[in-house]
N, C-alpha and C. Protein backbone atom coordinates (compact mmCIF):
# COMPACT_ATOMS: atom_id res chain seq x y z
N MET A 1 -82.20 18.82 -39.58
CA MET A 1 -82.13 20.09 -39.43
C MET A 1 -83.31 20.14 -40.30
N PRO A 2 -84.32 21.99 -40.05
CA PRO A 2 -85.83 21.82 -40.78
C PRO A 2 -84.79 22.89 -42.56
N GLN A 3 -86.38 22.17 -43.55
CA GLN A 3 -85.32 22.82 -43.84
C GLN A 3 -85.78 24.58 -44.45
N ASN A 4 -86.46 25.32 -43.45
CA ASN A 4 -86.19 26.35 -43.26
C ASN A 4 -85.64 27.31 -42.60
N CYS A 5 -84.37 26.03 -42.06
CA CYS A 5 -83.96 27.18 -40.65
C CYS A 5 -82.99 28.35 -41.72
N ALA A 6 -82.30 29.25 -40.68
CA ALA A 6 -82.40 30.38 -41.10
C ALA A 6 -80.89 30.17 -41.85
N TYR A 7 -79.92 29.30 -40.25
CA TYR A 7 -78.80 29.10 -40.36
C TYR A 7 -77.98 27.41 -40.92
N PHE A 8 -76.51 28.17 -40.95
CA PHE A 8 -76.20 26.38 -40.79
C PHE A 8 -74.68 27.00 -40.52
N TYR A 9 -74.25 26.20 -39.46
CA TYR A 9 -72.55 26.22 -39.52
C TYR A 9 -72.41 25.45 -40.50
N THR A 10 -71.21 26.39 -40.65
CA THR A 10 -69.92 26.05 -41.94
C THR A 10 -68.08 26.04 -40.62
N PRO A 11 -68.37 25.49 -40.44
CA PRO A 11 -66.60 24.91 -40.16
C PRO A 11 -65.58 26.26 -40.54
N GLU A 12 -64.86 25.60 -39.45
CA GLU A 12 -63.55 28.00 -39.39
C GLU A 12 -63.12 27.11 -40.60
N ASP A 13 -62.29 27.51 -40.72
CA ASP A 13 -60.68 27.36 -42.02
C ASP A 13 -59.95 28.86 -40.97
N LEU A 14 -58.94 28.70 -41.83
CA LEU A 14 -57.49 29.26 -41.16
C LEU A 14 -57.31 30.86 -42.00
N LYS A 15 -58.83 30.92 -42.40
CA LYS A 15 -58.59 31.91 -42.84
C LYS A 15 -60.06 32.48 -41.97
N ASP A 16 -60.95 32.05 -41.56
CA ASP A 16 -61.51 32.78 -39.99
C ASP A 16 -60.31 33.22 -38.78
N ALA A 17 -59.93 32.10 -39.36
CA ALA A 17 -58.99 31.84 -37.82
C ALA A 17 -58.22 33.22 -37.61
N GLU A 18 -57.17 33.55 -38.63
CA GLU A 18 -56.65 34.94 -39.08
C GLU A 18 -57.26 35.98 -38.73
N ALA A 19 -59.02 36.06 -38.89
CA ALA A 19 -59.52 37.59 -39.11
C ALA A 19 -59.95 37.28 -37.77
N LYS A 20 -60.23 36.55 -37.17
CA LYS A 20 -60.34 36.77 -34.68
C LYS A 20 -58.40 36.99 -34.78
N ILE A 21 -57.92 36.33 -35.21
CA ILE A 21 -56.59 36.67 -34.58
C ILE A 21 -55.76 38.68 -34.86
N ARG A 22 -56.54 38.83 -35.61
CA ARG A 22 -56.08 40.36 -36.26
C ARG A 22 -57.03 40.58 -34.81
N TYR A 23 -58.48 40.84 -35.60
CA TYR A 23 -59.72 40.14 -34.31
C TYR A 23 -58.83 40.94 -33.29
N LEU A 24 -58.75 40.26 -31.47
CA LEU A 24 -57.86 40.09 -30.64
C LEU A 24 -56.85 41.08 -30.59
N GLU A 25 -55.80 40.76 -31.93
CA GLU A 25 -54.45 41.85 -31.79
C GLU A 25 -55.43 43.71 -31.58
N GLU A 26 -56.13 43.78 -32.74
CA GLU A 26 -56.76 45.03 -32.87
C GLU A 26 -57.39 45.77 -31.34
N LEU A 27 -58.31 44.54 -30.47
CA LEU A 27 -58.63 44.77 -29.08
C LEU A 27 -57.41 45.09 -28.22
N LYS A 28 -56.23 44.67 -28.41
CA LYS A 28 -55.19 44.70 -27.61
C LYS A 28 -55.35 45.68 -27.29
N ALA A 29 -54.09 46.40 -29.15
CA ALA A 29 -53.86 48.61 -29.19
C ALA A 29 -54.44 49.24 -28.58
N ILE A 30 -56.05 48.70 -29.06
CA ILE A 30 -56.80 49.20 -28.26
C ILE A 30 -57.31 49.69 -26.51
N ALA A 31 -57.29 48.41 -26.27
CA ALA A 31 -57.30 48.15 -24.65
C ALA A 31 -55.85 49.13 -24.10
N ALA A 32 -54.73 49.35 -24.68
CA ALA A 32 -53.30 50.03 -24.93
C ALA A 32 -53.33 51.53 -24.79
N SER A 33 -54.40 52.28 -25.11
CA SER A 33 -54.80 53.51 -25.40
C SER A 33 -55.38 53.35 -24.97
N CYS A 34 -56.56 53.36 -23.95
CA CYS A 34 -57.22 53.84 -23.49
C CYS A 34 -56.73 52.80 -21.84
N ALA A 35 -57.91 54.72 -20.96
CA ALA A 35 -57.46 55.11 -20.00
C ALA A 35 -58.51 54.18 -18.85
N GLY A 36 -59.41 53.91 -19.42
CA GLY A 36 -60.56 52.58 -18.53
C GLY A 36 -61.55 51.92 -19.59
N ALA A 37 -61.95 51.06 -18.61
CA ALA A 37 -62.93 50.59 -19.73
C ALA A 37 -64.19 51.33 -20.66
N ALA A 38 -64.55 52.39 -20.59
CA ALA A 38 -65.65 53.32 -21.31
C ALA A 38 -65.71 53.10 -22.53
N SER A 39 -64.02 54.31 -22.56
CA SER A 39 -63.38 54.52 -22.84
C SER A 39 -62.99 53.31 -24.50
N PHE A 40 -62.04 52.14 -23.58
CA PHE A 40 -61.82 51.03 -23.65
C PHE A 40 -63.66 51.07 -24.90
N LYS A 41 -64.47 50.51 -24.41
CA LYS A 41 -65.67 50.43 -24.71
C LYS A 41 -66.58 50.58 -25.89
N ALA A 42 -66.14 52.54 -25.76
CA ALA A 42 -66.54 53.32 -26.72
C ALA A 42 -65.44 53.12 -27.75
N ALA A 43 -64.72 53.24 -27.76
CA ALA A 43 -63.33 52.96 -28.57
C ALA A 43 -64.14 51.45 -29.53
N VAL A 44 -64.02 50.70 -29.19
CA VAL A 44 -64.16 49.67 -30.02
C VAL A 44 -65.82 49.78 -30.45
N GLN A 45 -66.94 49.56 -30.37
CA GLN A 45 -67.67 50.84 -30.63
C GLN A 45 -67.36 51.31 -31.66
N GLU A 46 -66.58 51.92 -31.17
CA GLU A 46 -66.41 53.33 -32.56
C GLU A 46 -65.98 52.37 -34.20
N ARG A 47 -64.61 51.31 -33.69
CA ARG A 47 -63.99 50.46 -34.36
C ARG A 47 -64.73 49.51 -35.51
N TYR A 48 -65.78 49.65 -34.51
CA TYR A 48 -66.81 48.31 -34.98
C TYR A 48 -68.24 48.26 -34.82
N PRO A 49 -69.11 48.82 -35.47
CA PRO A 49 -69.84 49.93 -34.96
C PRO A 49 -71.51 48.80 -35.44
N ALA A 50 -70.51 47.56 -36.25
CA ALA A 50 -72.06 46.90 -37.28
C ALA A 50 -72.53 45.64 -36.16
N TYR A 51 -71.23 46.13 -35.37
CA TYR A 51 -70.54 44.81 -33.73
C TYR A 51 -71.96 44.76 -32.84
N SER A 52 -72.84 43.50 -32.71
CA SER A 52 -74.33 43.43 -32.08
C SER A 52 -73.63 43.22 -30.73
N ARG A 53 -73.18 42.14 -30.20
CA ARG A 53 -73.33 40.99 -29.70
C ARG A 53 -72.56 42.20 -28.26
N GLU A 54 -73.56 42.68 -27.87
CA GLU A 54 -72.97 43.98 -26.57
C GLU A 54 -72.83 43.43 -25.31
N ASN A 55 -73.44 41.99 -24.94
CA ASN A 55 -73.17 41.07 -23.47
C ASN A 55 -71.38 41.35 -24.15
N TYR A 56 -71.08 40.80 -25.65
CA TYR A 56 -69.43 39.45 -25.05
C TYR A 56 -68.64 41.63 -25.63
N LEU A 57 -69.41 42.29 -25.47
CA LEU A 57 -68.64 43.75 -25.22
C LEU A 57 -68.21 43.83 -24.22
N ASP A 58 -69.29 43.69 -22.94
CA ASP A 58 -68.58 43.66 -21.68
C ASP A 58 -67.50 43.02 -21.35
N MET A 59 -68.26 41.68 -21.71
CA MET A 59 -66.95 40.91 -21.09
C MET A 59 -66.12 41.36 -21.05
N THR A 60 -65.17 40.45 -21.88
CA THR A 60 -64.41 41.71 -23.25
C THR A 60 -64.00 43.13 -22.50
N THR A 61 -64.22 43.66 -22.06
CA THR A 61 -64.01 45.27 -21.41
C THR A 61 -63.53 44.20 -19.84
N GLY A 62 -64.60 43.83 -19.22
CA GLY A 62 -64.40 43.70 -18.01
C GLY A 62 -62.86 42.64 -17.83
N PHE A 63 -63.10 42.06 -19.18
CA PHE A 63 -61.50 41.24 -18.69
C PHE A 63 -59.75 42.32 -19.42
N PHE A 64 -59.89 43.38 -20.05
CA PHE A 64 -58.70 44.20 -19.92
C PHE A 64 -59.13 45.44 -18.86
N PHE A 65 -60.44 45.61 -18.43
CA PHE A 65 -60.18 47.04 -17.15
C PHE A 65 -60.98 45.93 -16.20
N PRO A 66 -60.34 44.89 -15.50
CA PRO A 66 -61.41 44.44 -14.04
C PRO A 66 -61.86 45.46 -12.55
């Protein structure tokens, strides 16, 4: 990898897996409290304002609200 590359992958550990599980559990709770896709997406964006991967949020929204 070039020395000027700003991104280096580090393997995930148990702490990372636990954080992902908490995130998914929170998404399930948010989805359970929403009437539809628009309210779910807005609630997730409010809870995670720094999350910038909107295409992933769209896919997740489609999973909960097909």
